[in-house]
Amino acid sequence: MQRLVDEGKAVQLLSGGYPNRYTAKASDVLPIIENGPPARNDPAVIGDDHVMPANRVRDVILHHDKIAAYPPDKVLTVEVWDLS
């Protein structure tokens, strides 16, 4: 999302904690996620009672038919959360 903000294609509405909130046109956001979440570069996390491997991928369900049919000029609100 920060790249879209830097390019003038998104506006950050809320920051400084979670969630971070943005608005952007569907034509700018949906191509980023249509094939799954962006690649990750996370370190392994070892907690008191859990281990999360490096570059873990969470379950994501994408409805490709809905993504393809969504009007490209519609403005989406995107919330970004820390899922650690």
Foldseek 3Di string as FASTA:
>chain_A
DVVCVVVVQKDFDDDDAFWTKIKGFLLVPLVCDLVHHDFDQAPWDDDPPDTDHGRDHDDDDDDNVCSVPDDRGDMDMDIDDDPD
